[in-house]
Amino acid sequence: MIKGKVIGHVWSTKRVDPLPQGALLEVAVEGGGSVVAFDPLGCGEGEEVLITQGSVAAGYFEGTKAPVDALIVGSVDERT
């Protein structure tokens, strides 16, 4: 799992049909760099999130083969 912080939205007026409703967010990941992740949770800019990638991300969507390689699976409320 990867920790990161949402730094913006990626707007797309055209999408492939199998992509479900949700947002595409740009996330700055710990250690440097960024990734565009699919967000089914409704996270906002500045929010710390947890991301999963690869087949686990794509497997989240039942009944469809969604072309998703990075998926936001959690929002970090606090660190202890």
N, C-alpha and C. Protein backbone atom coordinates (compact mmCIF):
# COMPACT_ATOMS: atom_id res chain seq x y z
N MET A 1 0.85 -1.17 0.00
CA MET A 1 0.00 0.00 0.00
C MET A 1 0.89 1.23 0.00
N ILE A 2 0.42 2.28 -0.64
CA ILE A 2 1.19 3.52 -0.80
C ILE A 2 0.45 4.65 -0.10
N LYS A 3 1.19 5.47 0.66
CA LYS A 3 0.59 6.66 1.27
C LYS A 3 0.88 7.87 0.40
N GLY A 4 -0.08 8.78 0.33
CA GLY A 4 0.12 9.98 -0.45
C GLY A 4 -0.85 11.07 -0.06
N LYS A 5 -0.74 12.20 -0.75
CA LYS A 5 -1.60 13.35 -0.48
C LYS A 5 -2.18 13.84 -1.80
N VAL A 6 -3.50 14.02 -1.83
CA VAL A 6 -4.18 14.48 -3.04
C VAL A 6 -3.73 15.91 -3.35
N ILE A 7 -3.23 16.11 -4.59
CA ILE A 7 -2.76 17.44 -4.98
C ILE A 7 -3.59 18.06 -6.09
N GLY A 8 -4.55 17.33 -6.62
CA GLY A 8 -5.41 17.91 -7.64
C GLY A 8 -6.28 16.88 -8.33
N HIS A 9 -7.21 17.39 -9.12
CA HIS A 9 -8.11 16.57 -9.93
C HIS A 9 -7.56 16.47 -11.35
N VAL A 10 -7.82 15.36 -11.99
CA VAL A 10 -7.51 15.18 -13.41
C VAL A 10 -8.85 15.12 -14.12
N TRP A 11 -9.14 16.12 -14.93
CA TRP A 11 -10.43 16.20 -15.62
C TRP A 11 -10.35 15.51 -16.97
N SER A 12 -11.34 14.70 -17.27
CA SER A 12 -11.39 13.96 -18.52
C SER A 12 -12.82 13.95 -19.04
N THR A 13 -13.04 14.55 -20.20
CA THR A 13 -14.38 14.58 -20.75
C THR A 13 -14.71 13.31 -21.54
N LYS A 14 -13.69 12.56 -21.88
CA LYS A 14 -13.90 11.30 -22.59
C LYS A 14 -13.26 10.18 -21.77
N ARG A 15 -14.01 9.09 -21.59
CA ARG A 15 -13.53 7.95 -20.81
C ARG A 15 -13.98 6.66 -21.50
N VAL A 16 -13.29 5.58 -21.24
CA VAL A 16 -13.73 4.29 -21.76
C VAL A 16 -14.94 3.83 -20.96
N ASP A 17 -15.84 3.10 -21.60
CA ASP A 17 -17.09 2.68 -20.98
C ASP A 17 -16.93 1.88 -19.68
N PRO A 18 -15.97 0.94 -19.60
CA PRO A 18 -15.89 0.14 -18.37
C PRO A 18 -15.47 0.93 -17.12
N LEU A 19 -15.01 2.16 -17.28
CA LEU A 19 -14.58 2.93 -16.11
C LEU A 19 -15.81 3.41 -15.35
N PRO A 20 -15.97 2.98 -14.10
CA PRO A 20 -17.16 3.36 -13.32
C PRO A 20 -17.14 4.83 -12.93
N GLN A 21 -18.22 5.28 -12.32
CA GLN A 21 -18.29 6.66 -11.85
C GLN A 21 -17.32 6.85 -10.70
N GLY A 22 -16.65 7.97 -10.72
CA GLY A 22 -15.67 8.30 -9.69
C GLY A 22 -14.75 9.37 -10.24
N ALA A 23 -13.81 9.79 -9.46
CA ALA A 23 -12.90 10.86 -9.86
C ALA A 23 -11.51 10.31 -10.12
N LEU A 24 -10.79 11.01 -10.97
CA LEU A 24 -9.37 10.74 -11.17
C LEU A 24 -8.61 11.84 -10.43
N LEU A 25 -7.77 11.44 -9.48
CA LEU A 25 -7.05 12.39 -8.66
C LEU A 25 -5.55 12.22 -8.82
N GLU A 26 -4.82 13.34 -8.83
CA GLU A 26 -3.37 13.27 -8.82
C GLU A 26 -2.93 13.25 -7.36
N VAL A 27 -2.09 12.27 -7.03
CA VAL A 27 -1.66 12.08 -5.65
C VAL A 27 -0.14 12.12 -5.60
N ALA A 28 0.41 13.01 -4.75
CA ALA A 28 1.85 13.04 -4.49
C ALA A 28 2.14 11.91 -3.50
N VAL A 29 3.03 11.00 -3.89
CA VAL A 29 3.32 9.84 -3.05
C VAL A 29 4.57 10.07 -2.21
N GLU A 30 4.60 9.41 -1.05
CA GLU A 30 5.76 9.53 -0.17
C GLU A 30 6.99 9.01 -0.90
N GLY A 31 8.08 9.71 -0.77
CA GLY A 31 9.31 9.33 -1.45
C GLY A 31 9.50 10.07 -2.76
N GLY A 32 8.52 10.85 -3.17
CA GLY A 32 8.62 11.64 -4.39
C GLY A 32 7.79 11.09 -5.53
N GLY A 33 7.48 11.95 -6.44
CA GLY A 33 6.69 11.56 -7.60
C GLY A 33 5.20 11.68 -7.34
N SER A 34 4.43 11.35 -8.35
CA SER A 34 2.97 11.39 -8.22
C SER A 34 2.36 10.30 -9.08
N VAL A 35 1.10 10.01 -8.80
CA VAL A 35 0.36 9.00 -9.53
C VAL A 35 -1.07 9.49 -9.70
N VAL A 36 -1.70 9.11 -10.80
CA VAL A 36 -3.12 9.39 -10.99
C VAL A 36 -3.86 8.14 -10.51
N ALA A 37 -4.76 8.34 -9.55
CA ALA A 37 -5.49 7.22 -8.95
C ALA A 37 -6.99 7.43 -9.08
N PHE A 38 -7.71 6.33 -9.25
CA PHE A 38 -9.17 6.38 -9.31
C PHE A 38 -9.70 6.47 -7.88
N ASP A 39 -10.65 7.37 -7.67
CA ASP A 39 -11.18 7.62 -6.33
C ASP A 39 -12.68 7.35 -6.26
N PRO A 40 -13.09 6.21 -5.67
CA PRO A 40 -14.51 5.95 -5.49
C PRO A 40 -15.05 6.51 -4.17
N LEU A 41 -14.18 7.13 -3.36
CA LEU A 41 -14.57 7.57 -2.02
C LEU A 41 -14.99 9.03 -1.92
N GLY A 42 -14.60 9.86 -2.87
CA GLY A 42 -14.93 11.28 -2.79
C GLY A 42 -13.92 12.09 -2.00
N CYS A 43 -12.65 11.74 -2.09
CA CYS A 43 -11.60 12.45 -1.37
C CYS A 43 -11.36 13.83 -1.98
N GLY A 44 -10.79 14.73 -1.18
CA GLY A 44 -10.57 16.09 -1.63
C GLY A 44 -9.11 16.48 -1.62
N GLU A 45 -8.82 17.60 -2.23
CA GLU A 45 -7.46 18.11 -2.30
C GLU A 45 -6.91 18.34 -0.89
N GLY A 46 -5.65 17.93 -0.69
CA GLY A 46 -5.00 18.06 0.61
C GLY A 46 -5.20 16.87 1.53
N GLU A 47 -6.08 15.97 1.16
CA GLU A 47 -6.38 14.80 2.00
C GLU A 47 -5.30 13.74 1.84
N GLU A 48 -4.91 13.13 2.96
CA GLU A 48 -3.97 12.01 2.93
C GLU A 48 -4.74 10.73 2.62
N VAL A 49 -4.21 9.94 1.69
CA VAL A 49 -4.91 8.74 1.24
C VAL A 49 -3.99 7.53 1.19
N LEU A 50 -4.61 6.36 1.11
CA LEU A 50 -3.91 5.10 0.91
C LEU A 50 -4.29 4.57 -0.46
N ILE A 51 -3.30 4.12 -1.21
CA ILE A 51 -3.50 3.66 -2.58
C ILE A 51 -3.01 2.22 -2.73
N THR A 52 -3.77 1.45 -3.49
CA THR A 52 -3.30 0.13 -3.90
C THR A 52 -3.16 0.15 -5.42
N GLN A 53 -2.30 -0.72 -5.94
CA GLN A 53 -2.04 -0.72 -7.39
C GLN A 53 -2.13 -2.11 -7.97
N GLY A 54 -2.16 -2.17 -9.29
CA GLY A 54 -2.11 -3.42 -10.02
C GLY A 54 -3.41 -4.21 -10.00
N SER A 55 -3.28 -5.53 -9.98
CA SER A 55 -4.46 -6.40 -10.08
C SER A 55 -5.40 -6.23 -8.90
N VAL A 56 -4.90 -5.87 -7.74
CA VAL A 56 -5.76 -5.63 -6.59
C VAL A 56 -6.67 -4.44 -6.86
N ALA A 57 -6.13 -3.38 -7.45
CA ALA A 57 -6.93 -2.20 -7.79
C ALA A 57 -7.99 -2.55 -8.82
N ALA A 58 -7.62 -3.24 -9.86
CA ALA A 58 -8.56 -3.60 -10.92
C ALA A 58 -9.62 -4.58 -10.42
N GLY A 59 -9.23 -5.47 -9.50
CA GLY A 59 -10.15 -6.48 -8.97
C GLY A 59 -11.23 -5.94 -8.05
N TYR A 60 -11.11 -4.69 -7.63
CA TYR A 60 -12.11 -4.08 -6.76
C TYR A 60 -13.48 -4.00 -7.43
N PHE A 61 -13.49 -3.83 -8.73
CA PHE A 61 -14.73 -3.60 -9.48
C PHE A 61 -15.33 -4.93 -9.91
N GLU A 62 -16.43 -5.32 -9.26
CA GLU A 62 -17.08 -6.58 -9.57
C GLU A 62 -17.90 -6.48 -10.85
N GLY A 63 -17.86 -7.51 -11.64
CA GLY A 63 -18.70 -7.57 -12.83
C GLY A 63 -18.20 -6.78 -14.03
N THR A 64 -17.03 -6.16 -13.91
CA THR A 64 -16.47 -5.40 -15.04
C THR A 64 -14.96 -5.48 -14.99
N LYS A 65 -14.35 -5.32 -16.13
CA LYS A 65 -12.89 -5.27 -16.21
C LYS A 65 -12.49 -3.81 -16.35
N ALA A 66 -12.49 -3.10 -15.24
CA ALA A 66 -12.17 -1.67 -15.24
C ALA A 66 -10.68 -1.47 -15.46
N PRO A 67 -10.31 -0.57 -16.36
CA PRO A 67 -8.90 -0.31 -16.64
C PRO A 67 -8.28 0.62 -15.59
N VAL A 68 -8.22 0.13 -14.35
CA VAL A 68 -7.71 0.93 -13.23
C VAL A 68 -6.44 0.27 -12.70
N ASP A 69 -5.37 1.05 -12.61
CA ASP A 69 -4.10 0.52 -12.09
C ASP A 69 -3.77 1.08 -10.71
N ALA A 70 -4.39 2.18 -10.31
CA ALA A 70 -4.16 2.76 -8.99
C ALA A 70 -5.52 3.16 -8.42
N LEU A 71 -5.81 2.71 -7.20
CA LEU A 71 -7.11 2.91 -6.58
C LEU A 71 -6.94 3.44 -5.17
N ILE A 72 -7.65 4.51 -4.84
CA ILE A 72 -7.65 5.02 -3.48
C ILE A 72 -8.58 4.13 -2.66
N VAL A 73 -8.02 3.52 -1.61
CA VAL A 73 -8.80 2.57 -0.80
C VAL A 73 -9.07 3.08 0.60
N GLY A 74 -8.47 4.21 0.97
CA GLY A 74 -8.70 4.73 2.31
C GLY A 74 -8.27 6.17 2.44
N SER A 75 -8.87 6.83 3.42
CA SER A 75 -8.53 8.21 3.74
C SER A 75 -7.95 8.20 5.16
N VAL A 76 -6.77 8.79 5.34
CA VAL A 76 -6.10 8.78 6.62
C VAL A 76 -6.68 9.88 7.52
N ASP A 77 -7.30 9.50 8.63
CA ASP A 77 -7.88 10.45 9.55
C ASP A 77 -6.82 11.01 10.51
N GLU A 78 -5.98 10.12 11.02
CA GLU A 78 -4.91 10.57 11.91
C GLU A 78 -3.83 9.51 11.97
N ARG A 79 -2.65 9.94 12.37
CA ARG A 79 -1.53 9.03 12.58
C ARG A 79 -1.22 9.01 14.07
N THR A 80 -0.89 7.84 14.60
CA THR A 80 -0.54 7.75 16.02
C THR A 80 0.82 7.17 16.19
